[in-house]
Protein backbone atom coordinates (compact mmCIF):
# COMPACT_ATOMS: atom_id res chain seq x y z
CA MET A 1 -2.23 26.37 -8.14
CA ASN A 2 -1.27 28.70 -5.27
CA LYS A 3 -1.69 26.18 -2.47
CA ILE A 4 -2.90 22.63 -2.14
CA LYS A 5 -6.03 21.77 -0.17
CA VAL A 6 -5.64 18.76 2.09
CA ALA A 7 -7.68 16.52 4.38
CA LEU A 8 -6.00 15.06 7.47
CA ILE A 9 -6.85 11.57 8.69
CA GLY A 10 -5.46 11.12 12.19
CA ALA A 11 -4.81 14.24 14.27
CA GLY A 12 -2.35 12.69 16.71
CA GLN A 13 1.24 13.76 17.37
CA ARG A 14 2.39 13.50 13.76
CA GLY A 15 -0.83 14.70 12.16
CA LYS A 16 -1.55 17.60 14.48
CA ASP A 17 1.88 18.66 15.65
CA VAL A 18 3.96 18.07 12.51
CA TYR A 19 1.79 18.44 9.42
CA GLY A 20 -0.66 20.79 11.08
CA GLU A 21 2.10 23.09 12.25
CA TYR A 22 3.73 23.02 8.81
CA ALA A 23 0.47 24.39 7.40
CA ALA A 24 0.36 27.08 10.08
CA GLN A 25 3.95 28.08 9.31
CA PHE A 26 3.62 27.92 5.52
CA PRO A 27 0.00 28.86 4.70
CA GLN A 28 1.04 29.76 1.15
CA ASN A 29 1.78 26.06 0.50
CA ILE A 30 -1.04 24.11 2.09
CA GLU A 31 -4.48 24.53 3.63
CA PHE A 32 -6.25 21.89 5.69
CA VAL A 33 -9.91 21.80 4.73
CA ALA A 34 -11.02 18.62 6.53
CA VAL A 35 -10.07 16.40 9.45
CA ALA A 36 -11.04 12.88 10.56
CA GLU A 37 -10.10 11.96 14.14
CA SER A 38 -11.82 9.71 16.68
CA ASN A 39 -10.50 11.60 19.71
CA ASP A 40 -12.92 14.45 20.51
CA ILE A 41 -10.30 16.76 22.02
CA LYS A 42 -7.74 16.33 19.24
CA ARG A 43 -10.38 16.64 16.54
CA LYS A 44 -11.70 19.89 18.03
CA GLN A 45 -8.22 21.33 18.55
CA PHE A 46 -7.20 20.67 14.97
CA ALA A 47 -10.45 21.96 13.48
CA GLU A 48 -10.23 25.20 15.47
CA ARG A 49 -6.55 25.68 14.71
CA HIS A 50 -7.19 25.42 10.95
CA ASN A 51 -10.67 26.99 10.76
CA ILE A 52 -12.23 23.89 9.25
CA ASN A 53 -15.93 24.07 8.38
CA ASN A 54 -18.24 21.93 10.51
CA ASP A 55 -19.38 19.83 7.54
CA LYS A 56 -15.77 18.73 6.98
CA ILE A 57 -15.08 17.52 10.52
CA TYR A 58 -15.40 13.74 10.83
CA GLU A 59 -15.19 11.23 13.66
CA SER A 60 -13.68 8.56 11.41
CA TRP A 61 -11.89 8.21 8.08
CA GLU A 62 -14.77 6.13 6.74
CA TYR A 63 -17.11 9.14 6.88
CA LEU A 64 -14.58 11.40 5.17
CA LEU A 65 -13.80 8.98 2.35
CA GLN A 66 -17.40 8.01 1.67
CA GLU A 67 -17.80 11.41 0.03
CA GLU A 68 -16.72 12.27 -3.48
CA LYS A 69 -13.24 13.78 -3.83
CA PHE A 70 -13.36 17.40 -2.59
CA CYS A 71 -9.71 18.45 -2.20
CA ASP A 72 -6.28 17.74 -3.67
CA ALA A 73 -4.70 15.36 -1.19
CA VAL A 74 -5.06 13.31 1.95
CA ILE A 75 -2.45 12.95 4.70
CA ILE A 76 -2.88 9.69 6.61
CA ALA A 77 -1.36 9.60 10.10
CA THR A 78 -3.38 6.85 11.76
CA PRO A 79 -1.96 3.92 13.81
CA ASP A 80 0.08 1.30 11.92
CA ASP A 81 -2.78 -1.18 11.54
CA MET A 82 -5.07 1.52 10.10
CA HIS A 83 -3.00 2.57 7.08
CA TYR A 84 -4.04 0.17 4.33
CA GLU A 85 -7.80 0.68 4.06
CA PRO A 86 -7.91 4.51 4.06
CA THR A 87 -4.92 4.69 1.71
CA LYS A 88 -6.49 2.27 -0.76
CA LYS A 89 -9.79 4.17 -0.63
CA ALA A 90 -8.12 7.57 -1.05
CA LEU A 91 -6.06 6.45 -4.06
CA ASN A 92 -9.13 4.96 -5.69
CA LEU A 93 -10.98 8.26 -5.21
CA GLY A 94 -8.17 10.08 -7.01
CA TYR A 95 -6.45 11.78 -4.08
CA HIS A 96 -2.74 12.35 -3.83
CA VAL A 97 -1.58 10.67 -0.60
CA LEU A 98 1.09 11.26 2.01
CA LEU A 99 1.22 8.21 4.30
CA GLU A 100 2.97 7.84 7.62
CA LYS A 101 5.38 4.91 7.88
CA PRO A 102 5.05 2.02 7.89
CA MET A 103 2.86 1.67 4.79
CA SER A 104 1.18 -1.27 6.54
CA ASN A 105 2.08 -3.88 9.12
CA ASN A 106 1.19 -6.51 6.50
CA SER A 107 3.74 -7.19 3.76
CA LEU A 108 1.12 -8.17 1.19
CA GLU A 109 -0.73 -4.89 1.72
CA CYS A 110 2.48 -2.91 1.18
CA VAL A 111 3.04 -4.55 -2.20
CA GLU A 112 -0.61 -4.05 -3.16
CA LEU A 113 -0.49 -0.33 -2.30
CA GLY A 114 2.67 0.07 -4.36
CA MET A 115 0.94 -1.50 -7.37
CA LEU A 116 -2.17 0.64 -6.88
CA ALA A 117 -0.09 3.84 -6.79
CA LYS A 118 1.41 3.01 -10.20
CA GLU A 119 -2.03 2.26 -11.61
CA LYS A 120 -3.64 5.48 -10.38
CA GLN A 121 -0.61 7.67 -11.19
CA ARG A 122 -1.10 9.80 -8.12
CA VAL A 123 1.59 11.37 -5.93
CA PHE A 124 1.93 8.74 -3.22
CA MET A 125 4.70 9.43 -0.73
CA ILE A 126 5.73 7.55 2.39
CA CYS A 127 7.12 9.56 5.31
CA HIS A 128 10.69 8.27 5.18
CA VAL A 129 11.91 11.66 6.33
CA LEU A 130 15.59 10.70 6.74
CA ARG A 131 16.10 10.95 2.97
CA TYR A 132 15.10 14.61 3.24
CA THR A 133 17.42 15.59 6.09
CA ALA A 134 20.43 17.79 5.36
CA PHE A 135 22.52 15.24 7.29
CA PHE A 136 21.80 12.15 5.16
CA SER A 137 21.47 14.21 1.96
CA LYS A 138 25.04 15.40 2.45
CA ILE A 139 26.30 11.86 3.11
CA LYS A 140 24.62 10.70 -0.11
CA GLU A 141 26.24 13.61 -1.95
CA VAL A 142 29.71 12.65 -0.65
CA ILE A 143 29.19 9.03 -1.73
CA GLU A 144 27.97 9.94 -5.21
CA ALA A 145 30.87 12.36 -5.69
CA GLY A 146 33.22 9.39 -5.19
CA GLU A 147 35.14 11.04 -2.34
CA ILE A 148 35.69 7.76 -0.51
CA GLY A 149 35.81 5.62 -3.65
CA LYS A 150 33.44 2.70 -4.07
CA VAL A 151 31.39 1.94 -0.97
CA MET A 152 32.18 -1.53 0.37
CA SER A 153 30.42 -1.75 3.73
CA ILE A 154 28.19 0.23 6.13
CA GLN A 155 27.68 0.07 9.88
CA HIS A 156 24.53 1.91 10.96
CA ASN A 157 23.20 2.32 14.49
CA GLU A 158 19.84 3.47 15.76
CA ASN A 159 20.33 4.48 19.37
CA ILE A 160 16.72 4.54 20.55
CA GLY A 161 17.41 6.02 23.98
CA TYR A 162 16.32 4.37 27.22
CA PHE A 163 13.53 6.90 27.90
CA HIS A 164 12.19 6.83 24.31
CA MET A 165 12.12 3.03 24.43
CA ALA A 166 10.13 3.12 27.67
CA HIS A 167 7.66 5.66 26.30
CA SER A 168 7.02 4.33 22.79
CA PHE A 169 7.97 0.66 22.76
CA VAL A 170 7.29 -0.56 26.30
CA ARG A 171 4.34 1.52 27.53
CA GLY A 172 3.23 3.12 24.27
CA ASN A 173 1.52 2.52 20.96
CA TRP A 174 4.30 0.40 19.43
CA ARG A 175 4.95 -1.91 22.39
CA ASN A 176 3.17 -4.98 21.04
CA SER A 177 3.80 -6.42 17.57
CA LYS A 178 0.35 -8.01 17.45
CA GLU A 179 -1.32 -4.63 17.97
CA SER A 180 1.04 -2.54 15.83
CA SER A 181 4.27 -3.83 14.23
CA PRO A 182 7.59 -5.43 15.16
CA ILE A 183 10.09 -2.76 16.17
CA ILE A 184 12.25 -3.33 13.06
CA LEU A 185 9.23 -2.12 11.04
CA ALA A 186 7.59 0.39 13.39
CA LYS A 187 10.80 2.20 14.36
CA SER A 188 13.47 1.10 11.95
CA CYS A 189 11.90 0.92 8.50
CA HIS A 190 13.39 4.45 8.42
CA ASP A 191 16.82 2.88 8.82
CA MET A 192 16.26 0.10 6.31
CA ASP A 193 15.23 2.82 3.88
CA ILE A 194 18.21 5.09 4.49
CA ILE A 195 20.65 2.18 4.11
CA LEU A 196 18.96 1.24 0.82
CA TYR A 197 19.20 4.89 -0.27
CA LEU A 198 22.91 5.18 0.53
CA VAL A 199 23.86 1.82 -1.00
CA GLY A 200 22.01 2.62 -4.22
CA ASP A 201 21.08 -0.94 -5.11
CA SER A 202 18.60 -3.61 -4.07
CA CYS A 203 19.09 -5.84 -1.05
CA LYS A 204 19.86 -9.45 -1.99
CA SER A 205 19.56 -11.25 1.34
CA ILE A 206 19.14 -10.45 5.00
CA SER A 207 19.67 -12.09 8.41
CA SER A 208 18.61 -10.75 11.78
CA PHE A 209 18.92 -11.58 15.48
CA GLY A 210 17.22 -9.90 18.40
CA GLU A 211 15.42 -10.36 21.70
CA LEU A 212 13.28 -8.74 24.35
CA SER A 213 15.78 -9.22 27.13
CA TYR A 214 15.21 -6.59 29.79
CA PHE A 215 11.74 -5.07 29.95
CA SER A 216 9.96 -8.00 31.57
CA ARG A 217 8.69 -9.02 35.01
CA ASP A 218 11.81 -11.10 35.59
CA ASN A 219 13.79 -7.86 35.92
CA ALA A 220 11.34 -5.89 38.04
CA PRO A 221 12.90 -4.55 41.27
CA ALA A 222 11.73 -6.21 44.46
CA SER A 223 8.64 -4.51 45.94
CA SER A 224 7.99 -2.50 42.76
CA GLY A 225 4.37 -1.64 42.04
CA GLU A 226 2.27 -2.17 38.94
CA ARG A 227 2.25 1.60 38.40
CA CYS A 228 4.76 4.34 39.11
CA ILE A 229 2.11 6.41 40.87
CA ASN A 230 2.14 4.02 43.85
CA CYS A 231 5.54 2.33 43.69
CA SER A 232 7.98 2.15 46.62
CA VAL A 233 11.05 2.30 44.34
CA GLU A 234 9.76 4.98 41.92
CA GLU A 235 12.04 7.74 43.20
CA SER A 236 15.19 5.76 42.41
CA CYS A 237 13.96 4.27 39.12
CA ILE A 238 15.39 5.73 35.91
CA TYR A 239 12.19 4.68 34.11
CA SER A 240 9.85 6.53 36.49
CA ALA A 241 6.77 7.70 34.56
CA LYS A 242 6.29 10.51 37.07
CA LYS A 243 9.72 11.91 36.26
CA GLN A 244 9.33 11.45 32.51
CA TYR A 245 5.90 13.02 32.09
CA LEU A 246 5.71 15.60 34.87
CA ASN A 247 9.02 17.06 33.68
CA SER A 248 7.78 17.50 30.09
CA ILE A 249 4.35 19.07 30.50
CA GLY A 250 3.37 20.91 27.34
CA ARG A 251 5.73 19.00 25.05
CA TRP A 252 6.55 15.48 23.91
CA PRO A 253 6.17 12.91 25.43
CA SER A 254 3.65 14.33 27.92
CA THR A 255 1.46 15.51 25.06
CA VAL A 256 1.09 11.85 24.10
CA ALA A 257 0.33 10.65 27.62
CA SER A 258 -2.53 13.12 28.16
CA ASP A 259 -4.67 15.36 25.95
CA ILE A 260 -4.83 17.90 28.79
CA GLN A 261 -1.47 19.33 29.79
CA SER A 262 -1.66 20.06 33.51
CA LYS A 263 -0.05 18.37 36.50
CA GLU A 264 -3.41 17.06 37.67
CA ALA A 265 -4.31 15.64 34.27
CA ILE A 266 -0.90 13.99 33.85
CA LEU A 267 -1.13 12.35 37.27
CA LYS A 268 -4.61 11.09 36.43
CA ALA A 269 -3.34 9.67 33.14
CA LEU A 270 -0.53 7.88 34.97
CA GLU A 271 -3.07 6.47 37.39
CA ILE A 272 -5.39 4.97 34.77
CA GLY A 273 -3.66 5.07 31.38
CA PRO A 274 -0.97 2.97 29.71
CA TYR A 275 1.86 5.46 30.29
CA GLY A 276 1.77 5.06 34.06
CA ARG A 277 2.61 1.37 34.06
CA CYS A 278 5.82 -0.12 35.40
CA VAL A 279 8.14 -0.77 32.45
CA TYR A 280 8.79 -4.26 33.74
CA LYS A 281 5.08 -5.11 33.94
CA CYS A 282 3.58 -4.12 30.59
CA ASP A 283 2.17 -6.21 27.74
CA ASN A 284 5.14 -5.40 25.47
CA ASP A 285 6.69 -8.04 23.23
CA VAL A 286 8.95 -6.12 20.79
CA CYS A 287 12.73 -6.51 20.86
CA ASP A 288 14.78 -4.15 22.98
CA HIS A 289 17.90 -4.93 20.92
CA GLN A 290 18.32 -6.31 17.41
CA VAL A 291 21.09 -6.63 14.84
CA THR A 292 20.51 -7.08 11.09
CA ILE A 293 23.02 -8.09 8.41
CA MET A 294 22.40 -7.22 4.75
CA ASN A 295 23.98 -8.24 1.45
CA PHE A 296 23.25 -6.03 -1.59
CA ASN A 297 23.29 -6.83 -5.29
CA ASN A 298 26.24 -4.50 -5.91
CA GLY A 299 28.38 -6.36 -3.37
CA VAL A 300 27.98 -3.89 -0.50
CA THR A 301 27.44 -5.43 2.93
CA ALA A 302 25.79 -3.61 5.80
CA THR A 303 24.98 -4.12 9.46
CA PHE A 304 22.23 -2.35 11.35
CA ASN A 305 22.00 -2.29 15.12
CA LEU A 306 19.05 -0.97 17.11
CA SER A 307 19.25 -0.73 20.87
CA ALA A 308 17.12 0.60 23.70
CA PHE A 309 20.19 0.82 25.91
CA THR A 310 21.60 4.21 24.98
CA ASN A 311 21.56 7.56 26.72
CA LYS A 312 20.77 9.73 23.70
CA VAL A 313 18.25 9.32 20.90
CA HIS A 314 20.40 9.52 17.79
CA ARG A 315 21.79 7.75 14.76
CA THR A 316 25.45 7.05 14.03
CA ILE A 317 26.91 5.63 10.86
CA LYS A 318 30.26 4.48 9.46
CA ILE A 319 30.67 4.03 5.71
CA MET A 320 33.82 2.32 4.41
CA GLY A 321 34.96 2.87 0.83
CA THR A 322 37.97 1.91 -1.26
CA ARG A 323 39.63 5.33 -0.81
CA GLY A 324 38.44 6.40 2.63
CA GLU A 325 35.70 6.31 5.22
CA ILE A 326 32.85 8.40 6.60
CA ARG A 327 31.91 8.59 10.26
CA ALA A 328 28.83 10.60 11.15
CA ASP A 329 26.63 11.42 14.15
CA ASP A 330 23.30 13.13 13.56
CA SER A 331 23.05 14.38 17.16
CA ARG A 332 26.18 16.47 16.57
CA ASN A 333 25.21 17.18 12.95
CA GLU A 334 28.76 16.19 12.08
CA ILE A 335 30.15 14.21 9.14
CA GLU A 336 33.83 13.25 9.26
CA ILE A 337 35.68 12.13 6.12
CA GLN A 338 39.04 10.38 6.45
CA LEU A 339 40.87 9.54 3.22
CA PHE A 340 43.46 6.79 3.23
CA GLY A 341 47.09 7.92 3.18
CA SER A 342 46.23 11.28 4.74
CA GLN A 343 46.32 12.39 8.36
CA GLU A 344 43.84 15.18 7.71
CA LYS A 345 40.17 14.79 8.49
CA LYS A 346 37.51 16.74 6.64
CA ILE A 347 34.62 17.82 8.88
CA ILE A 348 31.27 18.75 7.33
CA LEU A 349 28.52 20.41 9.35
CA PRO A 350 25.38 20.29 7.18
CA THR A 351 23.20 23.38 7.10
CA ILE A 352 20.65 23.23 9.91
CA VAL A 353 17.10 23.76 8.67
CA SER A 354 13.82 24.10 10.53
CA GLY A 355 11.43 21.24 11.19
CA GLY A 356 11.54 17.94 13.03
CA HIS A 357 13.82 15.02 12.14
CA GLY A 358 16.67 17.41 11.40
CA GLY A 359 14.57 19.40 8.95
CA GLY A 360 13.37 16.26 7.14
CA ASP A 361 9.72 16.85 8.07
CA HIS A 362 9.59 20.25 6.39
CA ARG A 363 11.58 19.19 3.33
CA LEU A 364 9.32 16.18 2.83
CA MET A 365 6.25 18.42 2.98
CA ASP A 366 7.86 20.89 0.58
CA ASP A 367 8.42 18.04 -1.89
CA PHE A 368 4.86 16.72 -1.50
CA VAL A 369 3.38 20.16 -2.15
CA SER A 370 5.72 20.82 -5.08
CA LEU A 371 5.00 17.51 -6.83
CA ILE A 372 1.24 18.09 -6.63
CA LYS A 373 1.53 21.68 -7.85
CA ASP A 374 3.89 20.87 -10.73
CA GLY A 375 2.21 17.65 -11.76
CA SER A 376 5.52 16.00 -12.63
CA GLY A 377 8.69 14.64 -11.06
CA SER A 378 9.51 11.78 -8.73
CA ALA A 379 9.56 11.79 -4.94
CA LEU A 380 12.55 10.57 -2.96
CA THR A 381 10.12 8.43 -0.97
CA SER A 382 7.73 7.22 -3.66
CA ALA A 383 5.77 4.03 -3.08
CA ASP A 384 7.98 1.80 -5.25
CA LYS A 385 11.11 2.81 -3.29
CA SER A 386 9.32 2.41 0.03
CA VAL A 387 7.93 -1.02 -0.76
CA GLU A 388 11.48 -2.28 -1.21
CA SER A 389 12.72 -0.98 2.14
CA HIS A 390 9.57 -2.21 3.87
CA LEU A 391 10.20 -5.71 2.53
CA MET A 392 13.68 -5.50 4.03
CA SER A 393 12.08 -4.94 7.44
CA PHE A 394 9.64 -7.82 6.95
CA ALA A 395 12.51 -10.05 5.83
CA ALA A 396 14.56 -9.09 8.89
CA GLU A 397 11.73 -10.03 11.22
CA LYS A 398 11.11 -13.27 9.34
CA SER A 399 14.80 -14.09 9.69
CA ARG A 400 14.81 -13.26 13.41
CA LEU A 401 11.86 -15.56 14.08
CA SER A 402 12.98 -18.41 11.83
CA GLY A 403 16.74 -18.29 12.40
CA LYS A 404 17.26 -18.40 8.62
CA SER A 405 18.68 -15.99 6.06
CA ILE A 406 15.95 -14.56 3.81
CA ALA A 407 16.40 -13.90 0.09
CA LEU A 408 14.50 -10.74 -0.84
CA LYS A 409 13.67 -12.03 -4.32
CA ASP A 410 12.03 -15.12 -2.84
CA LEU A 411 9.97 -13.00 -0.46
CA ASN A 412 8.89 -10.65 -3.24
CA ASP A 413 8.00 -13.54 -5.58
CA GLU A 414 5.97 -15.16 -2.83
CA LEU A 415 3.96 -11.98 -2.28
CA MET A 416 3.46 -11.31 -5.99
CA ASN A 417 2.15 -14.87 -6.50
CA LYS A 418 -0.46 -14.26 -3.79
CA LEU A 419 -1.66 -11.14 -5.59
CA ARG A 420 -2.02 -12.84 -8.99
């Protein structure tokens, strides 16, 4: 097999701009032969970019998957609440599947998809791209080499960035847990997964605390408007939509706010669309800060902190072992190793590779293509691994809402009993 033939379901930012551009950059690996997308502009753009035949251009995933299997794989990059049904249908038709995270915003559906993947014996990968980054791959390598001894505890931080929070989790698609997912799942199932990967054993129990404390009407400046387009304090507001989107025309996040990238189109979008709303006057309900505490079967303990209130969008991590510690910052692409009893610090700068998420997007796609071509092997982000980290996110949210510590075995048993 020279290249795999793939259908795309969902030609949004991830589908069109990540997987579509991978195909354009590496045509020897993958060819898109079909697309399903409800947005007329995005559907047309993707079809033209990849020379897709008219009879393989669909307005919805239902039309695409009502046909018999006609290519090797399906990439599913739809909104969170539209993952389960097309994935189940695609697996049953015999397609290999690459699915955007989260697998589903329903814990029972995640477990069911994991079971179905085993039954159908298809390549079924979840887009936990952090496992594929040079940064976290190198940290895992250092741990497994025993450089810092046995890992005892981990402190991991997801610094969301004030402007990213405003765009994605206050104004944007992931602002409301009833419409999409809680933020610990929508944003941070990546982080649950990378902690699980680094620890190397299953999570035993989990507790979590978090709130939506700032992005609400109670904190709106006096005389602020409902929209930035006609607000008396817009010029002095750090969350001004006009500043955020007019200063990024042609790239993210403006490409999300409007399908047409011109000043006029952006201003119109801010006038009538969700991205022009005052951040203090949206219908958001997800946490803007949350801390999660984990206890693993091998005795490792870990804390995870997500926060909207950071300047940069980046991840930082500290890993403490019996012989030394690791401190790392992905924005600097720097891993520092300090061994006990030594004043010297070892600095590692992982090799920078192309592709988003620190090269993780391209490496994930390389793995997906390779597994389908070779017909053997196991993905770093296979369904069984991803189900476990997803359940950690569901357990964290259950703990946050109930005020109780959640045992992962109890949660898993509860879900399995429902499926019997």
